[in-house]
């Protein structure tokens, strides 16, 4: 499977995660989101940037939904953030769908921790 971005194929796994994370950029994110049926708003980008920061600057951490919720509450301190907020943005499971759009590797965890 591959995403077509600006005339080039960006290879992905069967589940839609990038094979080479170095291929990720905002254009790739927008194409992945398009295929997922997600229209990216600033709130989406806030979550994507949070996930990328956690992964790239914190030893490859792939936050689960609970950790994303806590992180976004800090970012969006002017409003209440709950699971519904995250699932409204990423209905295909925030940690998985947002991680895929963010160009991160697939998390293999079986549950929360």
C-alpha atoms as a PDB file:
ATOM      1  CA  UNK A   1       0.000   0.000   0.000  1.00  0.00           C
ATOM      2  CA  UNK A   2       1.194   3.529  -0.723  1.00  0.00           C
ATOM      3  CA  UNK A   3      -0.075   7.073  -0.397  1.00  0.00           C
ATOM      4  CA  UNK A   4       0.264   9.326  -3.432  1.00  0.00           C
ATOM      5  CA  UNK A   5       1.630  12.701  -2.346  1.00  0.00           C
ATOM      6  CA  UNK A   6       2.821  15.395  -4.750  1.00  0.00           C
ATOM      7  CA  UNK A   7       3.364  12.867  -7.525  1.00  0.00           C
ATOM      8  CA  UNK A   8       5.348  10.357  -5.492  1.00  0.00           C
ATOM      9  CA  UNK A   9       4.388   7.145  -3.732  1.00  0.00           C
ATOM     10  CA  UNK A  10       4.921   7.070   0.030  1.00  0.00           C
ATOM     11  CA  UNK A  11       5.038   3.437   1.140  1.00  0.00           C
ATOM     12  CA  UNK A  12       2.882   2.274   4.038  1.00  0.00           C
ATOM     13  CA  UNK A  13       2.096  -0.960   5.819  1.00  0.00           C
ATOM     14  CA  UNK A  14      -1.126  -2.932   5.330  1.00  0.00           C
ATOM     15  CA  UNK A  15      -2.612  -1.002   8.262  1.00  0.00           C
ATOM     16  CA  UNK A  16      -1.695   2.414   6.805  1.00  0.00           C
ATOM     17  CA  UNK A  17       1.359   3.298   8.911  1.00  0.00           C
ATOM     18  CA  UNK A  18       4.389   4.729   7.133  1.00  0.00           C
ATOM     19  CA  UNK A  19       7.174   2.267   6.392  1.00  0.00           C
ATOM     20  CA  UNK A  20       9.768   5.052   6.568  1.00  0.00           C
ATOM     21  CA  UNK A  21       8.943   7.705   9.166  1.00  0.00           C
ATOM     22  CA  UNK A  22      11.343  10.108   7.444  1.00  0.00           C
ATOM     23  CA  UNK A  23       8.790  10.315   4.596  1.00  0.00           C
ATOM     24  CA  UNK A  24       6.375  12.205   6.871  1.00  0.00           C
ATOM     25  CA  UNK A  25       5.571  15.850   6.329  1.00  0.00           C
ATOM     26  CA  UNK A  26       2.381  17.901   6.510  1.00  0.00           C
ATOM     27  CA  UNK A  27       1.416  16.997   2.944  1.00  0.00           C
ATOM     28  CA  UNK A  28       1.717  13.299   3.799  1.00  0.00           C
ATOM     29  CA  UNK A  29      -0.330  13.861   6.967  1.00  0.00           C
ATOM     30  CA  UNK A  30      -3.053  15.572   4.956  1.00  0.00           C
ATOM     31  CA  UNK A  31      -3.181  12.662   2.486  1.00  0.00           C
ATOM     32  CA  UNK A  32      -3.353  10.054   5.251  1.00  0.00           C
ATOM     33  CA  UNK A  33      -6.092  12.084   6.951  1.00  0.00           C
ATOM     34  CA  UNK A  34      -7.983  12.348   3.665  1.00  0.00           C
ATOM     35  CA  UNK A  35      -7.925   8.573   3.244  1.00  0.00           C
ATOM     36  CA  UNK A  36      -9.127   8.247   6.867  1.00  0.00           C
ATOM     37  CA  UNK A  37     -11.999  10.669   6.244  1.00  0.00           C
ATOM     38  CA  UNK A  38     -10.587  13.250   8.663  1.00  0.00           C
ATOM     39  CA  UNK A  39     -10.638  16.953   7.741  1.00  0.00           C
ATOM     40  CA  UNK A  40      -7.701  18.406   9.694  1.00  0.00           C
ATOM     41  CA  UNK A  41      -8.400  21.460  11.868  1.00  0.00           C
ATOM     42  CA  UNK A  42      -6.051  23.247  14.256  1.00  0.00           C
ATOM     43  CA  UNK A  43      -7.217  20.913  17.050  1.00  0.00           C
ATOM     44  CA  UNK A  44      -6.165  17.917  14.951  1.00  0.00           C
ATOM     45  CA  UNK A  45      -2.757  19.492  14.352  1.00  0.00           C
ATOM     46  CA  UNK A  46      -2.367  20.154  18.092  1.00  0.00           C
ATOM     47  CA  UNK A  47      -2.846  16.434  18.793  1.00  0.00           C
ATOM     48  CA  UNK A  48      -0.550  15.430  15.911  1.00  0.00           C
ATOM     49  CA  UNK A  49       2.178  17.808  17.109  1.00  0.00           C
ATOM     50  CA  UNK A  50       1.805  16.522  20.689  1.00  0.00           C
ATOM     51  CA  UNK A  51       2.176  12.904  19.525  1.00  0.00           C
ATOM     52  CA  UNK A  52       5.191  13.699  17.371  1.00  0.00           C
ATOM     53  CA  UNK A  53       6.834  15.600  20.220  1.00  0.00           C
ATOM     54  CA  UNK A  54       6.257  12.709  22.630  1.00  0.00           C
ATOM     55  CA  UNK A  55       7.673  10.210  20.153  1.00  0.00           C
ATOM     56  CA  UNK A  56      10.625  12.226  18.868  1.00  0.00           C
ATOM     57  CA  UNK A  57      11.675  13.901  22.135  1.00  0.00           C
ATOM     58  CA  UNK A  58      10.745  11.313  24.777  1.00  0.00           C
ATOM     59  CA  UNK A  59      12.455   8.026  23.843  1.00  0.00           C
ATOM     60  CA  UNK A  60       9.913   6.915  21.259  1.00  0.00           C
ATOM     61  CA  UNK A  61       6.897   7.198  23.571  1.00  0.00           C
ATOM     62  CA  UNK A  62       3.596   6.377  21.894  1.00  0.00           C
ATOM     63  CA  UNK A  63       0.983   7.836  24.270  1.00  0.00           C
ATOM     64  CA  UNK A  64      -2.261   5.957  24.822  1.00  0.00           C
ATOM     65  CA  UNK A  65      -5.609   7.771  24.862  1.00  0.00           C
ATOM     66  CA  UNK A  66      -5.392   8.561  28.574  1.00  0.00           C
ATOM     67  CA  UNK A  67      -2.005  10.235  28.158  1.00  0.00           C
ATOM     68  CA  UNK A  68      -3.185  12.141  25.092  1.00  0.00           C
ATOM     69  CA  UNK A  69      -6.162  13.364  27.115  1.00  0.00           C
ATOM     70  CA  UNK A  70      -3.874  14.675  29.876  1.00  0.00           C
ATOM     71  CA  UNK A  71      -1.495  16.278  27.381  1.00  0.00           C
ATOM     72  CA  UNK A  72      -4.268  17.985  25.446  1.00  0.00           C
ATOM     73  CA  UNK A  73      -5.829  19.293  28.666  1.00  0.00           C
ATOM     74  CA  UNK A  74      -2.539  21.155  29.220  1.00  0.00           C
ATOM     75  CA  UNK A  75      -2.528  22.473  25.644  1.00  0.00           C
ATOM     76  CA  UNK A  76      -6.226  23.409  25.711  1.00  0.00           C
ATOM     77  CA  UNK A  77      -6.332  24.673  29.288  1.00  0.00           C
ATOM     78  CA  UNK A  78      -9.170  27.074  28.465  1.00  0.00           C
ATOM     79  CA  UNK A  79     -11.682  24.220  27.960  1.00  0.00           C
ATOM     80  CA  UNK A  80     -12.615  20.820  29.287  1.00  0.00           C
ATOM     81  CA  UNK A  81     -11.075  17.960  27.346  1.00  0.00           C
ATOM     82  CA  UNK A  82     -12.597  14.494  27.622  1.00  0.00           C
ATOM     83  CA  UNK A  83     -12.639  11.261  25.627  1.00  0.00           C
ATOM     84  CA  UNK A  84     -15.520  12.529  23.512  1.00  0.00           C
ATOM     85  CA  UNK A  85     -13.372  15.499  22.465  1.00  0.00           C
ATOM     86  CA  UNK A  86     -10.635  13.174  21.219  1.00  0.00           C
ATOM     87  CA  UNK A  87     -12.992  10.681  19.564  1.00  0.00           C
ATOM     88  CA  UNK A  88     -14.819  13.537  17.808  1.00  0.00           C
ATOM     89  CA  UNK A  89     -11.468  14.495  16.268  1.00  0.00           C
ATOM     90  CA  UNK A  90     -10.219  10.960  15.593  1.00  0.00           C
ATOM     91  CA  UNK A  91     -13.177   8.543  15.534  1.00  0.00           C
ATOM     92  CA  UNK A  92     -10.931   5.623  14.555  1.00  0.00           C
ATOM     93  CA  UNK A  93      -9.315   5.657  18.049  1.00  0.00           C
ATOM     94  CA  UNK A  94      -7.249   8.760  18.867  1.00  0.00           C
ATOM     95  CA  UNK A  95      -3.964   7.046  19.746  1.00  0.00           C
ATOM     96  CA  UNK A  96      -4.017   4.823  16.659  1.00  0.00           C
ATOM     97  CA  UNK A  97      -5.609   7.077  14.027  1.00  0.00           C
ATOM     98  CA  UNK A  98      -3.808  10.241  15.115  1.00  0.00           C
ATOM     99  CA  UNK A  99      -0.546   8.292  15.362  1.00  0.00           C
ATOM    100  CA  UNK A 100      -0.993   7.003  11.822  1.00  0.00           C
ATOM    101  CA  UNK A 101      -1.643  10.548  10.539  1.00  0.00           C
ATOM    102  CA  UNK A 102       1.358  11.792  12.568  1.00  0.00           C
ATOM    103  CA  UNK A 103       3.603   9.317  10.743  1.00  0.00           C
ATOM    104  CA  UNK A 104       4.462   7.339  13.874  1.00  0.00           C
ATOM    105  CA  UNK A 105       4.979   3.570  14.044  1.00  0.00           C
ATOM    106  CA  UNK A 106       2.087   1.312  14.922  1.00  0.00           C
ATOM    107  CA  UNK A 107       1.686   0.701  18.643  1.00  0.00           C
ATOM    108  CA  UNK A 108       1.549  -2.994  19.474  1.00  0.00           C
ATOM    109  CA  UNK A 109       0.279  -2.632  23.042  1.00  0.00           C
ATOM    110  CA  UNK A 110      -2.724  -4.722  23.930  1.00  0.00           C
ATOM    111  CA  UNK A 111      -4.363  -2.319  26.363  1.00  0.00           C
ATOM    112  CA  UNK A 112      -3.895   0.699  28.571  1.00  0.00           C
ATOM    113  CA  UNK A 113      -1.119   1.074  31.044  1.00  0.00           C
END
